[in-house]
Amino acid sequence: MAIRLYMDHNVPRAITNGLKLKGIDLITAYENGSSQLDDSELLDRASELERVLFTRDYNLLQEATKRQRAGVPFYGIIYAHQLKISIGDCIRDLEIIAEAGEPEDLINQVQFLPL
């Protein structure tokens, strides 16, 4: 089963559109009506939908660390620093993760891009 993505509201549209063109199963926080949620609620929403959250928001890494330390489950985060990976490389790496990975690979984990 492929990994399904949930795009944070901070993700550039070019990344989302590039992945959609490649047929990657994703929804955005905007499409889901969740763009105004705080980080904790956004991570909860992605987990409810059994989707891995893709973000470029450093604060979500802090939320993931809190949950890992407290044993609070989440469906996983993929993080890419805004200045350390190009849009094209982001699309390529996310496509690899989505198509080659299994959902259980990222549960309660943070994956950093670039790969």
PDB file of N, CA and C in Angstrom:
ATOM      1  N   MET A   1       0.834  -1.177   0.000  1.00  0.00           N
ATOM      2  CA  MET A   1       0.000   0.000   0.000  1.00  0.00           C
ATOM      3  C   MET A   1       0.882   1.244   0.000  1.00  0.00           C
ATOM      4  N   ALA A   2       0.596   2.179  -0.849  1.00  0.00           N
ATOM      5  CA  ALA A   2       1.380   3.402  -0.955  1.00  0.00           C
ATOM      6  C   ALA A   2       1.115   4.330   0.229  1.00  0.00           C
ATOM      7  N   ILE A   3       2.058   5.200   0.476  1.00  0.00           N
ATOM      8  CA  ILE A   3       1.897   6.217   1.511  1.00  0.00           C
ATOM      9  C   ILE A   3       1.067   7.361   0.947  1.00  0.00           C
ATOM     10  N   ARG A   4       0.048   7.733   1.699  1.00  0.00           N
ATOM     11  CA  ARG A   4      -0.823   8.851   1.305  1.00  0.00           C
ATOM     12  C   ARG A   4      -0.372  10.091   2.060  1.00  0.00           C
ATOM     13  N   LEU A   5      -0.293  11.205   1.350  1.00  0.00           N
ATOM     14  CA  LEU A   5       0.247  12.431   1.924  1.00  0.00           C
ATOM     15  C   LEU A   5      -0.824  13.445   2.287  1.00  0.00           C
ATOM     16  N   TYR A   6      -0.497  14.242   3.299  1.00  0.00           N
ATOM     17  CA  TYR A   6      -1.326  15.369   3.731  1.00  0.00           C
ATOM     18  C   TYR A   6      -0.409  16.585   3.711  1.00  0.00           C
ATOM     19  N   MET A   7      -0.710  17.558   2.861  1.00  0.00           N
ATOM     20  CA  MET A   7       0.172  18.700   2.653  1.00  0.00           C
ATOM     21  C   MET A   7      -0.194  19.842   3.600  1.00  0.00           C
ATOM     22  N   ASP A   8       0.775  20.262   4.392  1.00  0.00           N
ATOM     23  CA  ASP A   8       0.621  21.405   5.278  1.00  0.00           C
ATOM     24  C   ASP A   8       0.339  22.661   4.451  1.00  0.00           C
ATOM     25  N   HIS A   9      -0.262  23.665   5.074  1.00  0.00           N
ATOM     26  CA  HIS A   9      -0.588  24.889   4.347  1.00  0.00           C
ATOM     27  C   HIS A   9       0.650  25.697   3.965  1.00  0.00           C
ATOM     28  N   ASN A  10       1.832  25.350   4.500  1.00  0.00           N
ATOM     29  CA  ASN A  10       3.077  26.047   4.162  1.00  0.00           C
ATOM     30  C   ASN A  10       3.769  25.484   2.923  1.00  0.00           C
ATOM     31  N   VAL A  11       3.239  24.437   2.348  1.00  0.00           N
ATOM     32  CA  VAL A  11       3.875  23.786   1.197  1.00  0.00           C
ATOM     33  C   VAL A  11       3.557  24.569  -0.080  1.00  0.00           C
ATOM     34  N   PRO A  12       4.589  24.906  -0.856  1.00  0.00           N
ATOM     35  CA  PRO A  12       4.339  25.616  -2.111  1.00  0.00           C
ATOM     36  C   PRO A  12       3.441  24.816  -3.054  1.00  0.00           C
ATOM     37  N   ARG A  13       2.579  25.528  -3.734  1.00  0.00           N
ATOM     38  CA  ARG A  13       1.637  24.906  -4.677  1.00  0.00           C
ATOM     39  C   ARG A  13       2.360  24.109  -5.752  1.00  0.00           C
ATOM     40  N   ALA A  14       3.554  24.552  -6.141  1.00  0.00           N
ATOM     41  CA  ALA A  14       4.315  23.855  -7.181  1.00  0.00           C
ATOM     42  C   ALA A  14       4.640  22.420  -6.772  1.00  0.00           C
ATOM     43  N   ILE A  15       4.911  22.194  -5.496  1.00  0.00           N
ATOM     44  CA  ILE A  15       5.193  20.836  -5.020  1.00  0.00           C
ATOM     45  C   ILE A  15       3.924  19.998  -5.087  1.00  0.00           C
ATOM     46  N   THR A  16       2.837  20.549  -4.580  1.00  0.00           N
ATOM     47  CA  THR A  16       1.560  19.827  -4.597  1.00  0.00           C
ATOM     48  C   THR A  16       1.143  19.498  -6.026  1.00  0.00           C
ATOM     49  N   ASN A  17       1.210  20.467  -6.915  1.00  0.00           N
ATOM     50  CA  ASN A  17       0.820  20.237  -8.307  1.00  0.00           C
ATOM     51  C   ASN A  17       1.722  19.221  -8.992  1.00  0.00           C
ATOM     52  N   GLY A  18       3.024  19.297  -8.729  1.00  0.00           N
ATOM     53  CA  GLY A  18       3.955  18.334  -9.321  1.00  0.00           C
ATOM     54  C   GLY A  18       3.655  16.913  -8.895  1.00  0.00           C
ATOM     55  N   LEU A  19       3.320  16.732  -7.628  1.00  0.00           N
ATOM     56  CA  LEU A  19       2.979  15.391  -7.135  1.00  0.00           C
ATOM     57  C   LEU A  19       1.648  14.904  -7.696  1.00  0.00           C
ATOM     58  N   LYS A  20       0.691  15.814  -7.808  1.00  0.00           N
ATOM     59  CA  LYS A  20      -0.603  15.424  -8.383  1.00  0.00           C
ATOM     60  C   LYS A  20      -0.431  14.970  -9.836  1.00  0.00           C
ATOM     61  N   LEU A  21       0.424  15.654 -10.581  1.00  0.00           N
ATOM     62  CA  LEU A  21       0.685  15.261 -11.969  1.00  0.00           C
ATOM     63  C   LEU A  21       1.298  13.863 -12.057  1.00  0.00           C
ATOM     64  N   LYS A  22       1.986  13.452 -11.019  1.00  0.00           N
ATOM     65  CA  LYS A  22       2.604  12.119 -10.980  1.00  0.00           C
ATOM     66  C   LYS A  22       1.658  11.067 -10.395  1.00  0.00           C
ATOM     67  N   GLY A  23       0.449  11.488 -10.033  1.00  0.00           N
ATOM     68  CA  GLY A  23      -0.548  10.541  -9.540  1.00  0.00           C
ATOM     69  C   GLY A  23      -0.407  10.172  -8.077  1.00  0.00           C
ATOM     70  N   ILE A  24       0.309  10.985  -7.304  1.00  0.00           N
ATOM     71  CA  ILE A  24       0.480  10.701  -5.883  1.00  0.00           C
ATOM     72  C   ILE A  24      -0.809  11.042  -5.134  1.00  0.00           C
ATOM     73  N   ASP A  25      -1.228  10.163  -4.247  1.00  0.00           N
ATOM     74  CA  ASP A  25      -2.440  10.348  -3.450  1.00  0.00           C
ATOM     75  C   ASP A  25      -2.152  11.370  -2.351  1.00  0.00           C
ATOM     76  N   LEU A  26      -2.726  12.552  -2.495  1.00  0.00           N
ATOM     77  CA  LEU A  26      -2.514  13.590  -1.496  1.00  0.00           C
ATOM     78  C   LEU A  26      -3.732  14.486  -1.382  1.00  0.00           C
ATOM     79  N   ILE A  27      -3.850  15.109  -0.229  1.00  0.00           N
ATOM     80  CA  ILE A  27      -4.811  16.189  -0.031  1.00  0.00           C
ATOM     81  C   ILE A  27      -4.072  17.300   0.702  1.00  0.00           C
ATOM     82  N   THR A  28      -4.574  18.508   0.563  1.00  0.00           N
ATOM     83  CA  THR A  28      -3.956  19.643   1.233  1.00  0.00           C
ATOM     84  C   THR A  28      -4.796  20.058   2.435  1.00  0.00           C
ATOM     85  N   ALA A  29      -4.160  20.767   3.351  1.00  0.00           N
ATOM     86  CA  ALA A  29      -4.886  21.296   4.499  1.00  0.00           C
ATOM     87  C   ALA A  29      -5.993  22.235   4.033  1.00  0.00           C
ATOM     88  N   TYR A  30      -5.742  22.979   2.958  1.00  0.00           N
ATOM     89  CA  TYR A  30      -6.773  23.871   2.419  1.00  0.00           C
ATOM     90  C   TYR A  30      -7.972  23.078   1.911  1.00  0.00           C
ATOM     91  N   GLU A  31      -7.710  22.038   1.123  1.00  0.00           N
ATOM     92  CA  GLU A  31      -8.797  21.217   0.578  1.00  0.00           C
ATOM     93  C   GLU A  31      -9.608  20.563   1.689  1.00  0.00           C
ATOM     94  N   ASN A  32      -8.939  20.266   2.786  1.00  0.00           N
ATOM     95  CA  ASN A  32      -9.578  19.575   3.902  1.00  0.00           C
ATOM     96  C   ASN A  32     -10.212  20.537   4.904  1.00  0.00           C
ATOM     97  N   GLY A  33     -10.079  21.838   4.656  1.00  0.00           N
ATOM     98  CA  GLY A  33     -10.633  22.821   5.574  1.00  0.00           C
ATOM     99  C   GLY A  33      -9.880  22.925   6.888  1.00  0.00           C
ATOM    100  N   SER A  34      -8.606  22.543   6.867  1.00  0.00           N
ATOM    101  CA  SER A  34      -7.802  22.505   8.095  1.00  0.00           C
ATOM    102  C   SER A  34      -6.648  23.499   8.096  1.00  0.00           C
ATOM    103  N   SER A  35      -6.662  24.452   7.203  1.00  0.00           N
ATOM    104  CA  SER A  35      -5.515  25.354   7.073  1.00  0.00           C
ATOM    105  C   SER A  35      -5.345  26.303   8.250  1.00  0.00           C
ATOM    106  N   GLN A  36      -6.360  26.453   9.085  1.00  0.00           N
ATOM    107  CA  GLN A  36      -6.263  27.351  10.236  1.00  0.00           C
ATOM    108  C   GLN A  36      -5.949  26.621  11.545  1.00  0.00           C
ATOM    109  N   LEU A  37      -5.787  25.305  11.479  1.00  0.00           N
ATOM    110  CA  LEU A  37      -5.508  24.540  12.698  1.00  0.00           C
ATOM    111  C   LEU A  37      -4.099  24.807  13.199  1.00  0.00           C
ATOM    112  N   ASP A  38      -3.903  24.718  14.514  1.00  0.00           N
ATOM    113  CA  ASP A  38      -2.544  24.839  15.036  1.00  0.00           C
ATOM    114  C   ASP A  38      -1.801  23.526  14.740  1.00  0.00           C
ATOM    115  N   ASP A  39      -0.504  23.518  15.015  1.00  0.00           N
ATOM    116  CA  ASP A  39       0.337  22.384  14.631  1.00  0.00           C
ATOM    117  C   ASP A  39      -0.141  21.059  15.220  1.00  0.00           C
ATOM    118  N   SER A  40      -0.500  21.059  16.487  1.00  0.00           N
ATOM    119  CA  SER A  40      -0.953  19.835  17.136  1.00  0.00           C
ATOM    120  C   SER A  40      -2.227  19.305  16.487  1.00  0.00           C
ATOM    121  N   GLU A  41      -3.167  20.194  16.242  1.00  0.00           N
ATOM    122  CA  GLU A  41      -4.437  19.792  15.621  1.00  0.00           C
ATOM    123  C   GLU A  41      -4.229  19.329  14.182  1.00  0.00           C
ATOM    124  N   LEU A  42      -3.302  19.979  13.474  1.00  0.00           N
ATOM    125  CA  LEU A  42      -3.020  19.598  12.091  1.00  0.00           C
ATOM    126  C   LEU A  42      -2.427  18.185  12.035  1.00  0.00           C
ATOM    127  N   LEU A  43      -1.530  17.901  12.950  1.00  0.00           N
ATOM    128  CA  LEU A  43      -0.941  16.561  13.002  1.00  0.00           C
ATOM    129  C   LEU A  43      -1.996  15.527  13.388  1.00  0.00           C
ATOM    130  N   ASP A  44      -2.898  15.891  14.293  1.00  0.00           N
ATOM    131  CA  ASP A  44      -3.998  14.999  14.654  1.00  0.00           C
ATOM    132  C   ASP A  44      -4.893  14.727  13.445  1.00  0.00           C
ATOM    133  N   ARG A  45      -5.199  15.773  12.674  1.00  0.00           N
ATOM    134  CA  ARG A  45      -6.074  15.623  11.507  1.00  0.00           C
ATOM    135  C   ARG A  45      -5.435  14.693  10.476  1.00  0.00           C
ATOM    136  N   ALA A  46      -4.158  14.885  10.203  1.00  0.00           N
ATOM    137  CA  ALA A  46      -3.467  14.002   9.261  1.00  0.00           C
ATOM    138  C   ALA A  46      -3.518  12.554   9.749  1.00  0.00           C
ATOM    139  N   SER A  47      -3.322  12.358  11.040  1.00  0.00           N
ATOM    140  CA  SER A  47      -3.361  11.006  11.606  1.00  0.00           C
ATOM    141  C   SER A  47      -4.757  10.394  11.515  1.00  0.00           C
ATOM    142  N   GLU A  48      -5.788  11.210  11.774  1.00  0.00           N
ATOM    143  CA  GLU A  48      -7.167  10.717  11.642  1.00  0.00           C
ATOM    144  C   GLU A  48      -7.436  10.202  10.229  1.00  0.00           C
ATOM    145  N   LEU A  49      -6.854  10.872   9.251  1.00  0.00           N
ATOM    146  CA  LEU A  49      -7.049  10.502   7.850  1.00  0.00           C
ATOM    147  C   LEU A  49      -6.061   9.428   7.386  1.00  0.00           C
ATOM    148  N   GLU A  50      -5.190   8.976   8.304  1.00  0.00           N
ATOM    149  CA  GLU A  50      -4.153   7.984   8.010  1.00  0.00           C
ATOM    150  C   GLU A  50      -3.278   8.442   6.849  1.00  0.00           C
ATOM    151  N   ARG A  51      -2.806   9.684   6.989  1.00  0.00           N
ATOM    152  CA  ARG A  51      -1.927  10.292   5.999  1.00  0.00           C
ATOM    153  C   ARG A  51      -0.687  10.837   6.694  1.00  0.00           C
ATOM    154  N   VAL A  52       0.429  10.762   6.003  1.00  0.00           N
ATOM    155  CA  VAL A  52       1.673  11.317   6.505  1.00  0.00           C
ATOM    156  C   VAL A  52       1.690  12.807   6.172  1.00  0.00           C
ATOM    157  N   LEU A  53       2.003  13.613   7.165  1.00  0.00           N
ATOM    158  CA  LEU A  53       2.014  15.061   6.993  1.00  0.00           C
ATOM    159  C   LEU A  53       3.337  15.506   6.376  1.00  0.00           C
ATOM    160  N   PHE A  54       3.262  16.200   5.249  1.00  0.00           N
ATOM    161  CA  PHE A  54       4.452  16.818   4.672  1.00  0.00           C
ATOM    162  C   PHE A  54       4.442  18.290   5.030  1.00  0.00           C
ATOM    163  N   THR A  55       5.558  18.768   5.560  1.00  0.00           N
ATOM    164  CA  THR A  55       5.638  20.152   6.003  1.00  0.00           C
ATOM    165  C   THR A  55       7.023  20.729   5.770  1.00  0.00           C
ATOM    166  N   ARG A  56       7.070  22.042   5.764  1.00  0.00           N
ATOM    167  CA  ARG A  56       8.326  22.788   5.754  1.00  0.00           C
ATOM    168  C   ARG A  56       8.353  23.706   6.978  1.00  0.00           C
ATOM    169  N   ASP A  57       7.494  23.418   7.938  1.00  0.00           N
ATOM    170  CA  ASP A  57       7.340  24.200   9.162  1.00  0.00           C
ATOM    171  C   ASP A  57       8.129  23.538  10.288  1.00  0.00           C
ATOM    172  N   TYR A  58       9.174  24.214  10.729  1.00  0.00           N
ATOM    173  CA  TYR A  58      10.049  23.685  11.779  1.00  0.00           C
ATOM    174  C   TYR A  58       9.289  23.389  13.069  1.00  0.00           C
ATOM    175  N   ASN A  59       8.261  24.169  13.382  1.00  0.00           N
ATOM    176  CA  ASN A  59       7.509  23.979  14.626  1.00  0.00           C
ATOM    177  C   ASN A  59       6.853  22.603  14.701  1.00  0.00           C
ATOM    178  N   LEU A  60       6.528  22.018  13.567  1.00  0.00           N
ATOM    179  CA  LEU A  60       5.940  20.675  13.583  1.00  0.00           C
ATOM    180  C   LEU A  60       6.959  19.628  14.023  1.00  0.00           C
ATOM    181  N   LEU A  61       8.238  19.899  13.830  1.00  0.00           N
ATOM    182  CA  LEU A  61       9.268  18.980  14.334  1.00  0.00           C
ATOM    183  C   LEU A  61       9.258  18.978  15.864  1.00  0.00           C
ATOM    184  N   GLN A  62       9.046  20.143  16.442  1.00  0.00           N
ATOM    185  CA  GLN A  62       8.963  20.224  17.902  1.00  0.00           C
ATOM    186  C   GLN A  62       7.756  19.447  18.421  1.00  0.00           C
ATOM    187  N   GLU A  63       6.632  19.554  17.714  1.00  0.00           N
ATOM    188  CA  GLU A  63       5.433  18.804  18.109  1.00  0.00           C
ATOM    189  C   GLU A  63       5.688  17.297  18.002  1.00  0.00           C
ATOM    190  N   ALA A  64       6.354  16.872  16.947  1.00  0.00           N
ATOM    191  CA  ALA A  64       6.663  15.443  16.784  1.00  0.00           C
ATOM    192  C   ALA A  64       7.564  14.950  17.912  1.00  0.00           C
ATOM    193  N   THR A  65       8.567  15.747  18.273  1.00  0.00           N
ATOM    194  CA  THR A  65       9.480  15.365  19.352  1.00  0.00           C
ATOM    195  C   THR A  65       8.728  15.222  20.675  1.00  0.00           C
ATOM    196  N   LYS A  66       7.831  16.151  20.961  1.00  0.00           N
ATOM    197  CA  LYS A  66       7.016  16.059  22.182  1.00  0.00           C
ATOM    198  C   LYS A  66       6.229  14.760  22.201  1.00  0.00           C
ATOM    199  N   ARG A  67       5.621  14.439  21.065  1.00  0.00           N
ATOM    200  CA  ARG A  67       4.804  13.223  20.998  1.00  0.00           C
ATOM    201  C   ARG A  67       5.648  11.963  21.129  1.00  0.00           C
ATOM    202  N   GLN A  68       6.804  11.955  20.476  1.00  0.00           N
ATOM    203  CA  GLN A  68       7.672  10.790  20.581  1.00  0.00           C
ATOM    204  C   GLN A  68       8.094  10.562  22.033  1.00  0.00           C
ATOM    205  N   ARG A  69       8.462  11.627  22.727  1.00  0.00           N
ATOM    206  CA  ARG A  69       8.898  11.511  24.126  1.00  0.00           C
ATOM    207  C   ARG A  69       7.769  11.090  25.053  1.00  0.00           C
ATOM    208  N   ALA A  70       6.549  11.542  24.751  1.00  0.00           N
ATOM    209  CA  ALA A  70       5.399  11.227  25.602  1.00  0.00           C
ATOM    210  C   ALA A  70       4.690   9.938  25.183  1.00  0.00           C
ATOM    211  N   GLY A  71       5.117   9.346  24.073  1.00  0.00           N
ATOM    212  CA  GLY A  71       4.468   8.129  23.601  1.00  0.00           C
ATOM    213  C   GLY A  71       3.104   8.371  22.983  1.00  0.00           C
ATOM    214  N   VAL A  72       2.880   9.573  22.478  1.00  0.00           N
ATOM    215  CA  VAL A  72       1.610   9.920  21.835  1.00  0.00           C
ATOM    216  C   VAL A  72       1.749   9.621  20.335  1.00  0.00           C
ATOM    217  N   PRO A  73       0.944   8.724  19.798  1.00  0.00           N
ATOM    218  CA  PRO A  73       1.115   8.302  18.406  1.00  0.00           C
ATOM    219  C   PRO A  73       0.700   9.377  17.393  1.00  0.00           C
ATOM    220  N   PHE A  74       1.363   9.333  16.255  1.00  0.00           N
ATOM    221  CA  PHE A  74       0.992  10.140  15.092  1.00  0.00           C
ATOM    222  C   PHE A  74       1.379   9.359  13.842  1.00  0.00           C
ATOM    223  N   TYR A  75       0.819   9.731  12.716  1.00  0.00           N
ATOM    224  CA  TYR A  75       0.959   8.928  11.507  1.00  0.00           C
ATOM    225  C   TYR A  75       2.268   9.166  10.758  1.00  0.00           C
ATOM    226  N   GLY A  76       3.016  10.171  11.166  1.00  0.00           N
ATOM    227  CA  GLY A  76       4.314  10.425  10.566  1.00  0.00           C
ATOM    228  C   GLY A  76       4.399  11.804   9.947  1.00  0.00           C
ATOM    229  N   ILE A  77       5.638  12.299   9.869  1.00  0.00           N
ATOM    230  CA  ILE A  77       5.916  13.595   9.268  1.00  0.00           C
ATOM    231  C   ILE A  77       7.082  13.437   8.298  1.00  0.00           C
ATOM    232  N   ILE A  78       6.968  14.115   7.182  1.00  0.00           N
ATOM    233  CA  ILE A  78       8.095  14.287   6.266  1.00  0.00           C
ATOM    234  C   ILE A  78       8.395  15.779   6.290  1.00  0.00           C
ATOM    235  N   TYR A  79       9.645  16.114   6.569  1.00  0.00           N
ATOM    236  CA  TYR A  79      10.043  17.510   6.711  1.00  0.00           C
ATOM    237  C   TYR A  79      11.116  17.877   5.697  1.00  0.00           C
ATOM    238  N   ALA A  80      10.944  19.053   5.086  1.00  0.00           N
ATOM    239  CA  ALA A  80      11.951  19.593   4.167  1.00  0.00           C
ATOM    240  C   ALA A  80      12.193  21.052   4.537  1.00  0.00           C
ATOM    241  N   HIS A  81      13.430  21.390   4.844  1.00  0.00           N
ATOM    242  CA  HIS A  81      13.774  22.771   5.146  1.00  0.00           C
ATOM    243  C   HIS A  81      13.587  23.615   3.884  1.00  0.00           C
ATOM    244  N   GLN A  82      13.049  24.802   4.061  1.00  0.00           N
ATOM    245  CA  GLN A  82      12.708  25.655   2.916  1.00  0.00           C
ATOM    246  C   GLN A  82      13.900  26.043   2.062  1.00  0.00           C
ATOM    247  N   LEU A  83      15.091  26.108   2.648  1.00  0.00           N
ATOM    248  CA  LEU A  83      16.257  26.578   1.903  1.00  0.00           C
ATOM    249  C   LEU A  83      17.236  25.466   1.522  1.00  0.00           C
ATOM    250  N   LYS A  84      16.950  24.235   1.915  1.00  0.00           N
ATOM    251  CA  LYS A  84      17.934  23.167   1.721  1.00  0.00           C
ATOM    252  C   LYS A  84      17.553  22.126   0.681  1.00  0.00           C
ATOM    253  N   ILE A  85      16.425  22.320   0.016  1.00  0.00           N
ATOM    254  CA  ILE A  85      16.029  21.377  -1.030  1.00  0.00           C
ATOM    255  C   ILE A  85      15.184  22.130  -2.054  1.00  0.00           C
ATOM    256  N   SER A  86      15.447  21.854  -3.307  1.00  0.00           N
ATOM    257  CA  SER A  86      14.693  22.513  -4.372  1.00  0.00           C
ATOM    258  C   SER A  86      13.296  21.912  -4.493  1.00  0.00           C
ATOM    259  N   ILE A  87      12.432  22.618  -5.168  1.00  0.00           N
ATOM    260  CA  ILE A  87      11.077  22.118  -5.406  1.00  0.00           C
ATOM    261  C   ILE A  87      11.129  20.819  -6.202  1.00  0.00           C
ATOM    262  N   GLY A  88      11.960  20.763  -7.228  1.00  0.00           N
ATOM    263  CA  GLY A  88      12.079  19.545  -8.034  1.00  0.00           C
ATOM    264  C   GLY A  88      12.566  18.353  -7.226  1.00  0.00           C
ATOM    265  N   ASP A  89      13.572  18.578  -6.381  1.00  0.00           N
ATOM    266  CA  ASP A  89      14.074  17.487  -5.537  1.00  0.00           C
ATOM    267  C   ASP A  89      13.036  17.052  -4.512  1.00  0.00           C
ATOM    268  N   CYS A  90      12.266  18.007  -4.013  1.00  0.00           N
ATOM    269  CA  CYS A  90      11.185  17.684  -3.072  1.00  0.00           C
ATOM    270  C   CYS A  90      10.170  16.758  -3.737  1.00  0.00           C
ATOM    271  N   ILE A  91       9.773  17.119  -4.943  1.00  0.00           N
ATOM    272  CA  ILE A  91       8.803  16.301  -5.678  1.00  0.00           C
ATOM    273  C   ILE A  91       9.362  14.905  -5.901  1.00  0.00           C
ATOM    274  N   ARG A  92      10.605  14.828  -6.342  1.00  0.00           N
ATOM    275  CA  ARG A  92      11.236  13.522  -6.610  1.00  0.00           C
ATOM    276  C   ARG A  92      11.292  12.663  -5.350  1.00  0.00           C
ATOM    277  N   ASP A  93      11.757  13.233  -4.243  1.00  0.00           N
ATOM    278  CA  ASP A  93      11.888  12.469  -2.999  1.00  0.00           C
ATOM    279  C   ASP A  93      10.531  12.054  -2.437  1.00  0.00           C
ATOM    280  N   LEU A  94       9.560  12.952  -2.491  1.00  0.00           N
ATOM    281  CA  LEU A  94       8.219  12.606  -2.002  1.00  0.00           C
ATOM    282  C   LEU A  94       7.582  11.516  -2.859  1.00  0.00           C
ATOM    283  N   GLU A  95       7.826  11.559  -4.159  1.00  0.00           N
ATOM    284  CA  GLU A  95       7.307  10.504  -5.031  1.00  0.00           C
ATOM    285  C   GLU A  95       7.923   9.154  -4.664  1.00  0.00           C
ATOM    286  N   ILE A  96       9.215   9.141  -4.417  1.00  0.00           N
ATOM    287  CA  ILE A  96       9.888   7.894  -4.025  1.00  0.00           C
ATOM    288  C   ILE A  96       9.294   7.350  -2.731  1.00  0.00           C
ATOM    289  N   ILE A  97       9.156   8.217  -1.727  1.00  0.00           N
ATOM    290  CA  ILE A  97       8.616   7.793  -0.433  1.00  0.00           C
ATOM    291  C   ILE A  97       7.187   7.281  -0.591  1.00  0.00           C
ATOM    292  N   ALA A  98       6.364   8.043  -1.316  1.00  0.00           N
ATOM    293  CA  ALA A  98       4.950   7.670  -1.458  1.00  0.00           C
ATOM    294  C   ALA A  98       4.783   6.346  -2.190  1.00  0.00           C
ATOM    295  N   GLU A  99       5.583   6.112  -3.208  1.00  0.00           N
ATOM    296  CA  GLU A  99       5.410   4.899  -4.013  1.00  0.00           C
ATOM    297  C   GLU A  99       6.147   3.686  -3.469  1.00  0.00           C
ATOM    298  N   ALA A 100       7.292   3.902  -2.834  1.00  0.00           N
ATOM    299  CA  ALA A 100       8.099   2.761  -2.392  1.00  0.00           C
ATOM    300  C   ALA A 100       7.878   2.413  -0.924  1.00  0.00           C
ATOM    301  N   GLY A 101       7.388   3.367  -0.159  1.00  0.00           N
ATOM    302  CA  GLY A 101       7.231   3.136   1.272  1.00  0.00           C
ATOM    303  C   GLY A 101       5.913   2.480   1.631  1.00  0.00           C
ATOM    304  N   GLU A 102       5.845   2.063   2.857  1.00  0.00           N
ATOM    305  CA  GLU A 102       4.625   1.524   3.451  1.00  0.00           C
ATOM    306  C   GLU A 102       4.226   2.450   4.584  1.00  0.00           C
ATOM    307  N   PRO A 103       2.930   2.628   4.813  1.00  0.00           N
ATOM    308  CA  PRO A 103       2.505   3.540   5.876  1.00  0.00           C
ATOM    309  C   PRO A 103       3.166   3.265   7.228  1.00  0.00           C
ATOM    310  N   GLU A 104       3.345   2.000   7.565  1.00  0.00           N
ATOM    311  CA  GLU A 104       3.935   1.694   8.870  1.00  0.00           C
ATOM    312  C   GLU A 104       5.382   2.139   8.987  1.00  0.00           C
ATOM    313  N   ASP A 105       6.045   2.406   7.846  1.00  0.00           N
ATOM    314  CA  ASP A 105       7.431   2.877   7.866  1.00  0.00           C
ATOM    315  C   ASP A 105       7.568   4.220   8.571  1.00  0.00           C
ATOM    316  N   LEU A 106       6.538   5.026   8.536  1.00  0.00           N
ATOM    317  CA  LEU A 106       6.647   6.391   9.056  1.00  0.00           C
ATOM    318  C   LEU A 106       5.824   6.662  10.319  1.00  0.00           C
ATOM    319  N   ILE A 107       5.067   5.697  10.779  1.00  0.00           N
ATOM    320  CA  ILE A 107       4.269   5.921  11.987  1.00  0.00           C
ATOM    321  C   ILE A 107       5.185   6.289  13.150  1.00  0.00           C
ATOM    322  N   ASN A 108       4.863   7.421  13.795  1.00  0.00           N
ATOM    323  CA  ASN A 108       5.627   7.970  14.927  1.00  0.00           C
ATOM    324  C   ASN A 108       7.056   8.351  14.556  1.00  0.00           C
ATOM    325  N   GLN A 109       7.298   8.595  13.274  1.00  0.00           N
ATOM    326  CA  GLN A 109       8.639   8.927  12.790  1.00  0.00           C
ATOM    327  C   GLN A 109       8.643  10.264  12.055  1.00  0.00           C
ATOM    328  N   VAL A 110       9.836  10.831  11.928  1.00  0.00           N
ATOM    329  CA  VAL A 110      10.043  12.017  11.093  1.00  0.00           C
ATOM    330  C   VAL A 110      11.082  11.646  10.058  1.00  0.00           C
ATOM    331  N   GLN A 111      10.743  11.860   8.794  1.00  0.00           N
ATOM    332  CA  GLN A 111      11.664  11.629   7.665  1.00  0.00           C
ATOM    333  C   GLN A 111      12.099  12.997   7.150  1.00  0.00           C
ATOM    334  N   PHE A 112      13.393  13.190   7.014  1.00  0.00           N
ATOM    335  CA  PHE A 112      13.921  14.458   6.533  1.00  0.00           C
ATOM    336  C   PHE A 112      14.282  14.376   5.062  1.00  0.00           C
ATOM    337  N   LEU A 113      13.984  15.446   4.335  1.00  0.00           N
ATOM    338  CA  LEU A 113      14.394  15.572   2.944  1.00  0.00           C
ATOM    339  C   LEU A 113      15.516  16.603   2.874  1.00  0.00           C
ATOM    340  N   PRO A 114      16.469  16.451   1.956  1.00  0.00           N
ATOM    341  CA  PRO A 114      16.522  15.449   0.911  1.00  0.00           C
ATOM    342  C   PRO A 114      16.896  14.076   1.452  1.00  0.00           C
ATOM    343  N   LEU A 115      16.512  13.057   0.661  1.00  0.00           N
ATOM    344  CA  LEU A 115      16.852  11.677   1.045  1.00  0.00           C
ATOM    345  C   LEU A 115      18.348  11.466   0.969  1.00  0.00           C
TER     346      LEU A 115
END
